[in-house]
PDB file of N, CA and C in Angstrom:
ATOM      1  N   MET A   1      14.530  12.097 -17.561  1.00  0.00           N
ATOM      2  CA  MET A   1      14.649  12.122 -16.043  1.00  0.00           C
ATOM      3  C   MET A   1      16.139  12.059 -15.892  1.00  0.00           C
ATOM      4  N   LYS A   2      16.316  13.208 -14.781  1.00  0.00           N
ATOM      5  CA  LYS A   2      17.739  13.347 -14.402  1.00  0.00           C
ATOM      6  C   LYS A   2      18.374  12.092 -13.702  1.00  0.00           C
ATOM      7  N   ASN A   3      19.535  11.790 -13.489  1.00  0.00           N
ATOM      8  CA  ASN A   3      20.129  10.871 -12.781  1.00  0.00           C
ATOM      9  C   ASN A   3      19.739  10.947 -11.426  1.00  0.00           C
ATOM     10  N   LEU A   4      19.352  10.019 -10.760  1.00  0.00           N
ATOM     11  CA  LEU A   4      18.953   9.923  -9.374  1.00  0.00           C
ATOM     12  C   LEU A   4      20.165   9.633  -8.547  1.00  0.00           C
ATOM     13  N   GLN A   5      20.077  10.416  -7.292  1.00  0.00           N
ATOM     14  CA  GLN A   5      21.004  10.092  -6.374  1.00  0.00           C
ATOM     15  C   GLN A   5      20.229   9.787  -5.205  1.00  0.00           C
ATOM     16  N   ALA A   6      21.029   9.041  -4.180  1.00  0.00           N
ATOM     17  CA  ALA A   6      20.390   8.635  -2.949  1.00  0.00           C
ATOM     18  C   ALA A   6      19.605   9.888  -2.140  1.00  0.00           C
ATOM     19  N   GLY A   7      20.361  10.989  -2.047  1.00  0.00           N
ATOM     20  CA  GLY A   7      19.863  12.193  -1.580  1.00  0.00           C
ATOM     21  C   GLY A   7      18.723  12.777  -2.130  1.00  0.00           C
ATOM     22  N   ASP A   8      18.013  12.112  -3.113  1.00  0.00           N
ATOM     23  CA  ASP A   8      16.785  12.624  -3.974  1.00  0.00           C
ATOM     24  C   ASP A   8      15.652  11.890  -3.294  1.00  0.00           C
ATOM     25  N   LEU A   9      15.841  10.700  -2.550  1.00  0.00           N
ATOM     26  CA  LEU A   9      14.969  10.003  -2.044  1.00  0.00           C
ATOM     27  C   LEU A   9      14.507  10.606  -0.643  1.00  0.00           C
ATOM     28  N   ASP A  10      13.491  11.689  -0.758  1.00  0.00           N
ATOM     29  CA  ASP A  10      13.073  12.325   0.277  1.00  0.00           C
ATOM     30  C   ASP A  10      11.790  12.094   1.230  1.00  0.00           C
ATOM     31  N   ARG A  11      11.276  10.850   0.846  1.00  0.00           N
ATOM     32  CA  ARG A  11       9.939  10.481   1.620  1.00  0.00           C
ATOM     33  C   ARG A  11       9.903   8.865   1.810  1.00  0.00           C
ATOM     34  N   VAL A  12       9.362   8.521   2.698  1.00  0.00           N
ATOM     35  CA  VAL A  12       9.080   7.135   3.131  1.00  0.00           C
ATOM     36  C   VAL A  12       7.597   6.659   2.539  1.00  0.00           C
ATOM     37  N   ILE A  13       7.621   5.709   1.720  1.00  0.00           N
ATOM     38  CA  ILE A  13       6.449   5.024   1.090  1.00  0.00           C
ATOM     39  C   ILE A  13       6.242   3.729   1.742  1.00  0.00           C
ATOM     40  N   HIS A  14       5.053   3.061   1.709  1.00  0.00           N
ATOM     41  CA  HIS A  14       4.909   1.650   2.322  1.00  0.00           C
ATOM     42  C   HIS A  14       4.374   0.981   1.138  1.00  0.00           C
ATOM     43  N   LEU A  15       5.071  -0.137   0.681  1.00  0.00           N
ATOM     44  CA  LEU A  15       4.907  -0.845  -0.476  1.00  0.00           C
ATOM     45  C   LEU A  15       4.223  -2.146   0.107  1.00  0.00           C
ATOM     46  N   ILE A  16       2.910  -2.305  -0.284  1.00  0.00           N
ATOM     47  CA  ILE A  16       2.147  -3.478   0.291  1.00  0.00           C
ATOM     48  C   ILE A  16       1.763  -4.631  -0.709  1.00  0.00           C
ATOM     49  N   LYS A  17       2.001  -5.760  -0.435  1.00  0.00           N
ATOM     50  CA  LYS A  17       1.571  -6.872  -1.521  1.00  0.00           C
ATOM     51  C   LYS A  17       0.139  -7.378  -1.058  1.00  0.00           C
ATOM     52  N   PRO A  18      -0.409  -7.894  -2.000  1.00  0.00           N
ATOM     53  CA  PRO A  18      -1.943  -8.488  -1.871  1.00  0.00           C
ATOM     54  C   PRO A  18      -1.658  -9.819  -1.106  1.00  0.00           C
ATOM     55  N   THR A  19      -2.568 -10.087  -0.368  1.00  0.00           N
ATOM     56  CA  THR A  19      -2.712 -11.328   0.328  1.00  0.00           C
ATOM     57  C   THR A  19      -3.943 -11.902   0.037  1.00  0.00           C
ATOM     58  N   PRO A  20      -4.104 -13.228  -0.274  1.00  0.00           N
ATOM     59  CA  PRO A  20      -5.561 -13.753  -0.571  1.00  0.00           C
ATOM     60  C   PRO A  20      -6.232 -13.683   0.636  1.00  0.00           C
ATOM     61  N   LYS A  21      -7.549 -13.391   0.327  1.00  0.00           N
ATOM     62  CA  LYS A  21      -8.573 -13.456   1.514  1.00  0.00           C
ATOM     63  C   LYS A  21      -9.111 -15.123   1.756  1.00  0.00           C
ATOM     64  N   GLU A  22      -9.183 -15.405   2.865  1.00  0.00           N
ATOM     65  CA  GLU A  22      -9.893 -16.747   3.143  1.00  0.00           C
ATOM     66  C   GLU A  22     -11.147 -16.779   2.642  1.00  0.00           C
ATOM     67  N   SER A  23     -11.682 -17.765   2.092  1.00  0.00           N
ATOM     68  CA  SER A  23     -12.976 -18.021   1.716  1.00  0.00           C
ATOM     69  C   SER A  23     -13.914 -18.455   2.869  1.00  0.00           C
ATOM     70  N   ARG A  24     -15.093 -18.341   2.737  1.00  0.00           N
ATOM     71  CA  ARG A  24     -15.886 -18.672   3.872  1.00  0.00           C
ATOM     72  C   ARG A  24     -15.956 -20.185   4.315  1.00  0.00           C
ATOM     73  N   PHE A  25     -15.119 -21.066   3.547  1.00  0.00           N
ATOM     74  CA  PHE A  25     -14.851 -22.551   3.732  1.00  0.00           C
ATOM     75  C   PHE A  25     -13.553 -22.452   4.479  1.00  0.00           C
ATOM     76  N   GLY A  26     -12.726 -21.577   4.564  1.00  0.00           N
ATOM     77  CA  GLY A  26     -11.480 -21.637   5.330  1.00  0.00           C
ATOM     78  C   GLY A  26     -10.317 -21.763   4.393  1.00  0.00           C
ATOM     79  N   GLY A  27     -10.360 -21.861   3.156  1.00  0.00           N
ATOM     80  CA  GLY A  27      -9.375 -21.961   1.998  1.00  0.00           C
ATOM     81  C   GLY A  27      -9.075 -20.793   1.394  1.00  0.00           C
ATOM     82  N   PRO A  28      -8.000 -20.567   0.545  1.00  0.00           N
ATOM     83  CA  PRO A  28      -7.875 -19.383  -0.209  1.00  0.00           C
ATOM     84  C   PRO A  28      -8.813 -18.996  -1.333  1.00  0.00           C
ATOM     85  N   GLY A  29      -9.284 -17.792  -1.050  1.00  0.00           N
ATOM     86  CA  GLY A  29     -10.485 -17.317  -1.790  1.00  0.00           C
ATOM     87  C   GLY A  29      -9.867 -16.436  -3.086  1.00  0.00           C
ATOM     88  N   THR A  30     -10.836 -16.100  -3.843  1.00  0.00           N
ATOM     89  CA  THR A  30     -10.411 -15.294  -5.105  1.00  0.00           C
ATOM     90  C   THR A  30     -10.110 -13.784  -4.928  1.00  0.00           C
ATOM     91  N   GLU A  31     -10.584 -13.292  -3.550  1.00  0.00           N
ATOM     92  CA  GLU A  31     -10.321 -11.898  -3.519  1.00  0.00           C
ATOM     93  C   GLU A  31      -9.190 -11.736  -2.581  1.00  0.00           C
ATOM     94  N   VAL A  32      -8.568 -10.559  -2.720  1.00  0.00           N
ATOM     95  CA  VAL A  32      -7.304 -10.241  -2.072  1.00  0.00           C
ATOM     96  C   VAL A  32      -7.557  -9.032  -0.827  1.00  0.00           C
ATOM     97  N   GLU A  33      -6.719  -8.778   0.026  1.00  0.00           N
ATOM     98  CA  GLU A  33      -6.562  -7.739   0.722  1.00  0.00           C
ATOM     99  C   GLU A  33      -5.222  -7.091   1.146  1.00  0.00           C
ATOM    100  N   TYR A  34      -5.000  -5.917   1.494  1.00  0.00           N
ATOM    101  CA  TYR A  34      -3.769  -5.350   1.457  1.00  0.00           C
ATOM    102  C   TYR A  34      -3.492  -5.204   2.972  1.00  0.00           C
ATOM    103  N   LEU A  35      -2.721  -5.974   3.702  1.00  0.00           N
ATOM    104  CA  LEU A  35      -2.524  -5.863   5.010  1.00  0.00           C
ATOM    105  C   LEU A  35      -1.117  -4.961   5.336  1.00  0.00           C
ATOM    106  N   PRO A  36      -1.304  -3.859   6.146  1.00  0.00           N
ATOM    107  CA  PRO A  36       0.120  -3.347   6.378  1.00  0.00           C
ATOM    108  C   PRO A  36       1.399  -4.175   6.834  1.00  0.00           C
ATOM    109  N   GLU A  37       1.056  -5.323   7.590  1.00  0.00           N
ATOM    110  CA  GLU A  37       1.936  -6.274   7.900  1.00  0.00           C
ATOM    111  C   GLU A  37       2.591  -6.814   6.779  1.00  0.00           C
ATOM    112  N   ASN A  38       2.016  -6.921   5.800  1.00  0.00           N
ATOM    113  CA  ASN A  38       2.604  -7.576   4.338  1.00  0.00           C
ATOM    114  C   ASN A  38       3.367  -6.470   3.527  1.00  0.00           C
ATOM    115  N   GLY A  39       3.840  -5.535   4.141  1.00  0.00           N
ATOM    116  CA  GLY A  39       4.588  -4.589   3.140  1.00  0.00           C
ATOM    117  C   GLY A  39       5.809  -4.321   3.745  1.00  0.00           C
ATOM    118  N   VAL A  40       6.344  -3.318   3.193  1.00  0.00           N
ATOM    119  CA  VAL A  40       7.778  -2.822   3.379  1.00  0.00           C
ATOM    120  C   VAL A  40       8.009  -1.436   3.157  1.00  0.00           C
ATOM    121  N   LYS A  41       8.604  -0.637   4.043  1.00  0.00           N
ATOM    122  CA  LYS A  41       8.789   0.742   4.004  1.00  0.00           C
ATOM    123  C   LYS A  41      10.106   0.887   3.230  1.00  0.00           C
ATOM    124  N   VAL A  42      10.118   1.940   2.138  1.00  0.00           N
ATOM    125  CA  VAL A  42      11.307   2.292   1.353  1.00  0.00           C
ATOM    126  C   VAL A  42      11.370   3.755   1.517  1.00  0.00           C
ATOM    127  N   TRP A  43      12.510   4.543   0.963  1.00  0.00           N
ATOM    128  CA  TRP A  43      12.777   5.585   0.901  1.00  0.00           C
ATOM    129  C   TRP A  43      12.386   5.931  -0.756  1.00  0.00           C
ATOM    130  N   ALA A  44      11.806   6.947  -1.040  1.00  0.00           N
ATOM    131  CA  ALA A  44      11.351   7.221  -2.483  1.00  0.00           C
ATOM    132  C   ALA A  44      11.320   8.891  -2.883  1.00  0.00           C
ATOM    133  N   ASN A  45      11.246   8.935  -4.093  1.00  0.00           N
ATOM    134  CA  ASN A  45      11.300  10.237  -4.503  1.00  0.00           C
ATOM    135  C   ASN A  45      10.029  10.255  -5.212  1.00  0.00           C
ATOM    136  N   ARG A  46       9.064  11.252  -5.244  1.00  0.00           N
ATOM    137  CA  ARG A  46       7.867  11.375  -5.779  1.00  0.00           C
ATOM    138  C   ARG A  46       7.759  12.421  -7.022  1.00  0.00           C
ATOM    139  N   LYS A  47       7.246  12.221  -8.097  1.00  0.00           N
ATOM    140  CA  LYS A  47       7.118  13.189  -9.170  1.00  0.00           C
ATOM    141  C   LYS A  47       5.434  13.131  -9.604  1.00  0.00           C
ATOM    142  N   ASP A  48       4.854  14.239  -9.460  1.00  0.00           N
ATOM    143  CA  ASP A  48       3.629  14.364 -10.180  1.00  0.00           C
ATOM    144  C   ASP A  48       3.565  14.352 -11.548  1.00  0.00           C
ATOM    145  N   GLU A  49       2.655  13.486 -12.286  1.00  0.00           N
ATOM    146  CA  GLU A  49       2.604  13.399 -13.801  1.00  0.00           C
ATOM    147  C   GLU A  49       1.444  14.182 -14.040  1.00  0.00           C
ATOM    148  N   ILE A  50       1.787  15.518 -14.483  1.00  0.00           N
ATOM    149  CA  ILE A  50       0.712  16.528 -14.902  1.00  0.00           C
ATOM    150  C   ILE A  50       0.093  15.743 -16.250  1.00  0.00           C
ATOM    151  N   ALA A  51       0.506  15.239 -17.174  1.00  0.00           N
ATOM    152  CA  ALA A  51       0.035  14.717 -18.247  1.00  0.00           C
ATOM    153  C   ALA A  51      -0.887  13.431 -17.933  1.00  0.00           C
ATOM    154  N   GLY A  52      -0.656  12.958 -16.676  1.00  0.00           N
ATOM    155  CA  GLY A  52      -1.264  11.556 -16.451  1.00  0.00           C
ATOM    156  C   GLY A  52      -2.705  11.860 -15.772  1.00  0.00           C
ATOM    157  N   ALA A  53      -2.873  13.359 -15.370  1.00  0.00           N
ATOM    158  CA  ALA A  53      -4.123  13.470 -14.477  1.00  0.00           C
ATOM    159  C   ALA A  53      -5.501  13.528 -15.354  1.00  0.00           C
ATOM    160  N   SER A  54      -6.441  12.832 -14.743  1.00  0.00           N
ATOM    161  CA  SER A  54      -7.580  12.526 -15.630  1.00  0.00           C
ATOM    162  C   SER A  54      -8.725  12.385 -14.653  1.00  0.00           C
ATOM    163  N   GLU A  55      -9.909  12.042 -15.305  1.00  0.00           N
ATOM    164  CA  GLU A  55     -11.258  11.667 -14.397  1.00  0.00           C
ATOM    165  C   GLU A  55     -11.838  10.496 -15.112  1.00  0.00           C
ATOM    166  N   GLU A  56     -12.245   9.565 -14.078  1.00  0.00           N
ATOM    167  CA  GLU A  56     -12.804   8.405 -14.429  1.00  0.00           C
ATOM    168  C   GLU A  56     -14.312   8.184 -13.746  1.00  0.00           C
ATOM    169  N   VAL A  57     -14.987   7.596 -14.507  1.00  0.00           N
ATOM    170  CA  VAL A  57     -16.613   7.344 -13.937  1.00  0.00           C
ATOM    171  C   VAL A  57     -16.226   6.083 -12.776  1.00  0.00           C
ATOM    172  N   GLU A  58     -16.789   6.179 -11.714  1.00  0.00           N
ATOM    173  CA  GLU A  58     -16.851   4.934 -10.859  1.00  0.00           C
ATOM    174  C   GLU A  58     -18.383   5.032 -10.442  1.00  0.00           C
ATOM    175  N   GLY A  59     -19.102   4.143 -10.923  1.00  0.00           N
ATOM    176  CA  GLY A  59     -20.512   3.944 -10.472  1.00  0.00           C
ATOM    177  C   GLY A  59     -21.101   5.128 -11.289  1.00  0.00           C
ATOM    178  N   LYS A  60     -21.899   5.750 -10.636  1.00  0.00           N
ATOM    179  CA  LYS A  60     -22.491   7.201 -11.037  1.00  0.00           C
ATOM    180  C   LYS A  60     -21.684   8.407 -10.811  1.00  0.00           C
ATOM    181  N   ARG A  61     -20.615   8.254 -10.315  1.00  0.00           N
ATOM    182  CA  ARG A  61     -19.906   9.279  -9.709  1.00  0.00           C
ATOM    183  C   ARG A  61     -18.423   9.546 -10.420  1.00  0.00           C
ATOM    184  N   VAL A  62     -18.184  10.654 -10.936  1.00  0.00           N
ATOM    185  CA  VAL A  62     -17.038  11.037 -11.666  1.00  0.00           C
ATOM    186  C   VAL A  62     -15.941  11.310 -10.702  1.00  0.00           C
ATOM    187  N   THR A  63     -14.831  10.715 -10.817  1.00  0.00           N
ATOM    188  CA  THR A  63     -13.553  11.126  -9.619  1.00  0.00           C
ATOM    189  C   THR A  63     -12.362  11.399 -10.455  1.00  0.00           C
ATOM    190  N   ALA A  64     -11.527  12.476  -9.781  1.00  0.00           N
ATOM    191  CA  ALA A  64     -10.339  12.758 -10.400  1.00  0.00           C
ATOM    192  C   ALA A  64      -9.233  11.494 -10.011  1.00  0.00           C
ATOM    193  N   VAL A  65      -8.437  11.474 -10.979  1.00  0.00           N
ATOM    194  CA  VAL A  65      -7.364  10.320 -11.139  1.00  0.00           C
ATOM    195  C   VAL A  65      -6.000  11.064 -11.246  1.00  0.00           C
ATOM    196  N   SER A  66      -5.237  10.963 -10.263  1.00  0.00           N
ATOM    197  CA  SER A  66      -3.686  11.474 -10.210  1.00  0.00           C
ATOM    198  C   SER A  66      -2.802  10.243 -10.616  1.00  0.00           C
ATOM    199  N   LEU A  67      -1.650  10.695 -11.415  1.00  0.00           N
ATOM    200  CA  LEU A  67      -0.745   9.763 -11.914  1.00  0.00           C
ATOM    201  C   LEU A  67       0.385  10.347 -11.178  1.00  0.00           C
ATOM    202  N   VAL A  68       1.280   9.279 -10.675  1.00  0.00           N
ATOM    203  CA  VAL A  68       2.313   9.764  -9.818  1.00  0.00           C
ATOM    204  C   VAL A  68       3.393   8.682 -10.207  1.00  0.00           C
ATOM    205  N   SER A  69       4.592   9.367 -10.144  1.00  0.00           N
ATOM    206  CA  SER A  69       5.903   8.305 -10.472  1.00  0.00           C
ATOM    207  C   SER A  69       6.790   8.318  -9.095  1.00  0.00           C
ATOM    208  N   PHE A  70       6.915   7.094  -8.480  1.00  0.00           N
ATOM    209  CA  PHE A  70       7.807   6.971  -7.151  1.00  0.00           C
ATOM    210  C   PHE A  70       9.093   6.338  -7.845  1.00  0.00           C
ATOM    211  N   SER A  71      10.230   6.940  -7.524  1.00  0.00           N
ATOM    212  CA  SER A  71      11.345   6.041  -7.763  1.00  0.00           C
ATOM    213  C   SER A  71      12.040   5.530  -6.541  1.00  0.00           C
ATOM    214  N   ILE A  72      12.510   4.341  -6.568  1.00  0.00           N
ATOM    215  CA  ILE A  72      13.130   3.550  -5.284  1.00  0.00           C
ATOM    216  C   ILE A  72      14.239   2.829  -5.582  1.00  0.00           C
ATOM    217  N   ARG A  73      15.193   2.566  -4.803  1.00  0.00           N
ATOM    218  CA  ARG A  73      16.226   1.645  -5.232  1.00  0.00           C
ATOM    219  C   ARG A  73      15.687   0.427  -5.796  1.00  0.00           C
ATOM    220  N   TYR A  74      16.488  -0.263  -6.643  1.00  0.00           N
ATOM    221  CA  TYR A  74      15.976  -1.469  -7.233  1.00  0.00           C
ATOM    222  C   TYR A  74      15.589  -2.583  -6.281  1.00  0.00           C
ATOM    223  N   ARG A  75      14.319  -3.227  -6.600  1.00  0.00           N
ATOM    224  CA  ARG A  75      13.927  -4.220  -5.874  1.00  0.00           C
ATOM    225  C   ARG A  75      13.264  -5.342  -6.992  1.00  0.00           C
ATOM    226  N   SER A  76      13.471  -6.589  -6.979  1.00  0.00           N
ATOM    227  CA  SER A  76      13.157  -7.597  -7.889  1.00  0.00           C
ATOM    228  C   SER A  76      11.572  -8.088  -7.507  1.00  0.00           C
ATOM    229  N   ASP A  77      11.077  -7.579  -6.465  1.00  0.00           N
ATOM    230  CA  ASP A  77       9.738  -8.050  -5.998  1.00  0.00           C
ATOM    231  C   ASP A  77       8.402  -7.401  -6.388  1.00  0.00           C
ATOM    232  N   ILE A  78       8.446  -6.156  -6.731  1.00  0.00           N
ATOM    233  CA  ILE A  78       7.550  -5.116  -6.918  1.00  0.00           C
ATOM    234  C   ILE A  78       6.795  -5.476  -8.081  1.00  0.00           C
ATOM    235  N   ASN A  79       5.457  -5.482  -8.146  1.00  0.00           N
ATOM    236  CA  ASN A  79       4.725  -5.770  -9.346  1.00  0.00           C
ATOM    237  C   ASN A  79       3.409  -4.989  -9.356  1.00  0.00           C
ATOM    238  N   PRO A  80       2.724  -4.634 -10.297  1.00  0.00           N
ATOM    239  CA  PRO A  80       1.533  -4.008 -10.531  1.00  0.00           C
ATOM    240  C   PRO A  80       0.249  -4.506  -9.531  1.00  0.00           C
ATOM    241  N   THR A  81       0.473  -5.649  -9.210  1.00  0.00           N
ATOM    242  CA  THR A  81      -0.587  -5.970  -8.062  1.00  0.00           C
ATOM    243  C   THR A  81      -0.564  -5.205  -6.742  1.00  0.00           C
ATOM    244  N   TRP A  82       0.738  -4.662  -6.453  1.00  0.00           N
ATOM    245  CA  TRP A  82       0.843  -4.244  -5.177  1.00  0.00           C
ATOM    246  C   TRP A  82       0.167  -2.816  -5.022  1.00  0.00           C
ATOM    247  N   ARG A  83       0.244  -2.466  -3.702  1.00  0.00           N
ATOM    248  CA  ARG A  83      -0.159  -0.674  -3.432  1.00  0.00           C
ATOM    249  C   ARG A  83       0.869   0.005  -2.795  1.00  0.00           C
ATOM    250  N   ILE A  84       0.731   1.151  -3.077  1.00  0.00           N
ATOM    251  CA  ILE A  84       1.664   2.263  -2.253  1.00  0.00           C
ATOM    252  C   ILE A  84       0.911   2.940  -1.187  1.00  0.00           C
ATOM    253  N   VAL A  85       1.314   3.097   0.118  1.00  0.00           N
ATOM    254  CA  VAL A  85       0.518   3.953   0.930  1.00  0.00           C
ATOM    255  C   VAL A  85       1.642   5.005   1.257  1.00  0.00           C
ATOM    256  N   GLU A  86       1.323   6.349   1.192  1.00  0.00           N
ATOM    257  CA  GLU A  86       2.239   7.328   1.573  1.00  0.00           C
ATOM    258  C   GLU A  86       2.173   7.566   3.028  1.00  0.00           C
ATOM    259  N   GLU A  87       3.102   8.426   3.738  1.00  0.00           N
ATOM    260  CA  GLU A  87       2.955   8.727   5.196  1.00  0.00           C
ATOM    261  C   GLU A  87       1.496   9.383   5.334  1.00  0.00           C
ATOM    262  N   GLY A  88       1.049  10.128   4.656  1.00  0.00           N
ATOM    263  CA  GLY A  88      -0.160  10.915   5.079  1.00  0.00           C
ATOM    264  C   GLY A  88      -1.487   9.896   4.924  1.00  0.00           C
ATOM    265  N   GLY A  89      -1.132   8.702   4.387  1.00  0.00           N
ATOM    266  CA  GLY A  89      -2.205   7.683   4.188  1.00  0.00           C
ATOM    267  C   GLY A  89      -2.877   7.598   2.854  1.00  0.00           C
ATOM    268  N   GLN A  90      -2.447   8.513   1.795  1.00  0.00           N
ATOM    269  CA  GLN A  90      -2.969   8.137   0.421  1.00  0.00           C
ATOM    270  C   GLN A  90      -2.623   6.957  -0.036  1.00  0.00           C
ATOM    271  N   VAL A  91      -3.601   6.504  -0.666  1.00  0.00           N
ATOM    272  CA  VAL A  91      -3.374   5.054  -1.432  1.00  0.00           C
ATOM    273  C   VAL A  91      -3.228   5.297  -2.707  1.00  0.00           C
ATOM    274  N   TYR A  92      -2.264   4.572  -3.461  1.00  0.00           N
ATOM    275  CA  TYR A  92      -1.920   4.486  -4.797  1.00  0.00           C
ATOM    276  C   TYR A  92      -2.040   3.179  -5.431  1.00  0.00           C
ATOM    277  N   ASN A  93      -2.673   2.652  -6.559  1.00  0.00           N
ATOM    278  CA  ASN A  93      -2.581   1.535  -7.195  1.00  0.00           C
ATOM    279  C   ASN A  93      -1.499   1.552  -8.231  1.00  0.00           C
ATOM    280  N   ILE A  94      -0.590   0.844  -8.136  1.00  0.00           N
ATOM    281  CA  ILE A  94       0.627   0.684  -9.162  1.00  0.00           C
ATOM    282  C   ILE A  94      -0.080   0.070 -10.522  1.00  0.00           C
ATOM    283  N   VAL A  95       0.678   0.929 -11.262  1.00  0.00           N
ATOM    284  CA  VAL A  95       0.143   0.725 -12.759  1.00  0.00           C
ATOM    285  C   VAL A  95       1.204   0.070 -13.638  1.00  0.00           C
ATOM    286  N   HIS A  96       2.531   0.631 -13.322  1.00  0.00           N
ATOM    287  CA  HIS A  96       3.625   0.030 -14.218  1.00  0.00           C
ATOM    288  C   HIS A  96       4.944   0.189 -13.358  1.00  0.00           C
ATOM    289  N   VAL A  97       5.644  -0.698 -13.436  1.00  0.00           N
ATOM    290  CA  VAL A  97       7.060  -0.934 -12.879  1.00  0.00           C
ATOM    291  C   VAL A  97       8.138  -0.987 -13.910  1.00  0.00           C
ATOM    292  N   ALA A  98       9.196  -0.014 -13.894  1.00  0.00           N
ATOM    293  CA  ALA A  98      10.175  -0.193 -14.882  1.00  0.00           C
ATOM    294  C   ALA A  98      11.595  -0.053 -14.460  1.00  0.00           C
ATOM    295  N   GLU A  99      12.363  -0.820 -14.738  1.00  0.00           N
ATOM    296  CA  GLU A  99      13.758  -0.595 -14.109  1.00  0.00           C
ATOM    297  C   GLU A  99      14.472   0.814 -14.819  1.00  0.00           C
ATOM    298  N   GLN A 100      15.202   1.334 -13.960  1.00  0.00           N
ATOM    299  CA  GLN A 100      15.974   2.517 -14.763  1.00  0.00           C
ATOM    300  C   GLN A 100      17.610   2.114 -14.213  1.00  0.00           C
ATOM    301  N   GLY A 101      18.315   2.180 -15.346  1.00  0.00           N
ATOM    302  CA  GLY A 101      19.704   1.842 -14.926  1.00  0.00           C
ATOM    303  C   GLY A 101      19.817   0.389 -14.709  1.00  0.00           C
ATOM    304  N   ARG A 102      20.923  -0.157 -14.409  1.00  0.00           N
ATOM    305  CA  ARG A 102      21.042  -1.658 -14.481  1.00  0.00           C
ATOM    306  C   ARG A 102      21.048  -1.941 -13.146  1.00  0.00           C
ATOM    307  N   ARG A 103      19.816  -2.422 -12.647  1.00  0.00           N
ATOM    308  CA  ARG A 103      19.186  -2.739 -11.367  1.00  0.00           C
ATOM    309  C   ARG A 103      19.442  -1.771 -10.250  1.00  0.00           C
ATOM    310  N   GLN A 104      19.508  -0.558 -10.609  1.00  0.00           N
ATOM    311  CA  GLN A 104      19.832   0.448  -9.835  1.00  0.00           C
ATOM    312  C   GLN A 104      18.731   1.118  -9.103  1.00  0.00           C
ATOM    313  N   TRP A 105      17.386   1.543 -10.090  1.00  0.00           N
ATOM    314  CA  TRP A 105      16.415   2.188  -9.803  1.00  0.00           C
ATOM    315  C   TRP A 105      15.322   1.390 -10.010  1.00  0.00           C
ATOM    316  N   LEU A 106      14.094   1.749  -9.440  1.00  0.00           N
ATOM    317  CA  LEU A 106      12.823   1.182 -10.008  1.00  0.00           C
ATOM    318  C   LEU A 106      11.970   2.523 -10.112  1.00  0.00           C
ATOM    319  N   VAL A 107      11.188   2.733 -11.356  1.00  0.00           N
ATOM    320  CA  VAL A 107      10.429   3.947 -11.268  1.00  0.00           C
ATOM    321  C   VAL A 107       9.025   3.246 -11.445  1.00  0.00           C
ATOM    322  N   ILE A 108       8.027   3.610 -10.430  1.00  0.00           N
ATOM    323  CA  ILE A 108       6.799   2.983 -10.284  1.00  0.00           C
ATOM    324  C   ILE A 108       5.713   4.151 -10.648  1.00  0.00           C
ATOM    325  N   LYS A 109       5.063   3.914 -11.490  1.00  0.00           N
ATOM    326  CA  LYS A 109       3.811   4.511 -12.083  1.00  0.00           C
ATOM    327  C   LYS A 109       2.688   4.030 -11.090  1.00  0.00           C
ATOM    328  N   ALA A 110       2.007   5.106 -10.665  1.00  0.00           N
ATOM    329  CA  ALA A 110       0.806   4.790  -9.812  1.00  0.00           C
ATOM    330  C   ALA A 110      -0.311   5.621  -9.745  1.00  0.00           C
ATOM    331  N   LYS A 111      -1.703   5.193  -9.655  1.00  0.00           N
ATOM    332  CA  LYS A 111      -2.732   6.151  -9.609  1.00  0.00           C
ATOM    333  C   LYS A 111      -3.381   6.342  -8.291  1.00  0.00           C
ATOM    334  N   HIS A 112      -4.012   7.491  -8.057  1.00  0.00           N
ATOM    335  CA  HIS A 112      -4.791   7.942  -6.770  1.00  0.00           C
ATOM    336  C   HIS A 112      -5.886   8.285  -7.279  1.00  0.00           C
ATOM    337  N   HIS A 113      -6.976   7.811  -6.655  1.00  0.00           N
ATOM    338  CA  HIS A 113      -8.491   8.395  -7.085  1.00  0.00           C
ATOM    339  C   HIS A 113      -8.776   9.307  -5.905  1.00  0.00           C
ATOM    340  N   ASP A 114      -8.912  10.371  -6.232  1.00  0.00           N
ATOM    341  CA  ASP A 114      -9.314  11.456  -5.246  1.00  0.00           C
ATOM    342  C   ASP A 114     -10.846  11.547  -4.866  1.00  0.00           C
TER     343      ASP A 114
END
């Protein structure tokens, strides 16, 4: 991967962390939800990973899966439980987060089910 420059960050993405859903008894439950107000917007660079494209079976349906890399400025709080939402509304599940450079950039690998 080439050295990233600030000018390479050409799109805005929304990083959303999971929030525990309340159980029917009012306490924290075991399920999570992704609320836009629990996220942050950041500038990113997107790269489609051709080698990561595949198909997965969901129930009785086969769906296409796209693997995408997003590069953002370094943040210490992002992890694979978060999701990414692009400006067009596409939702990605984060698969892997890796630091590039010494706390300079984060490369986030994410999946999108078509």
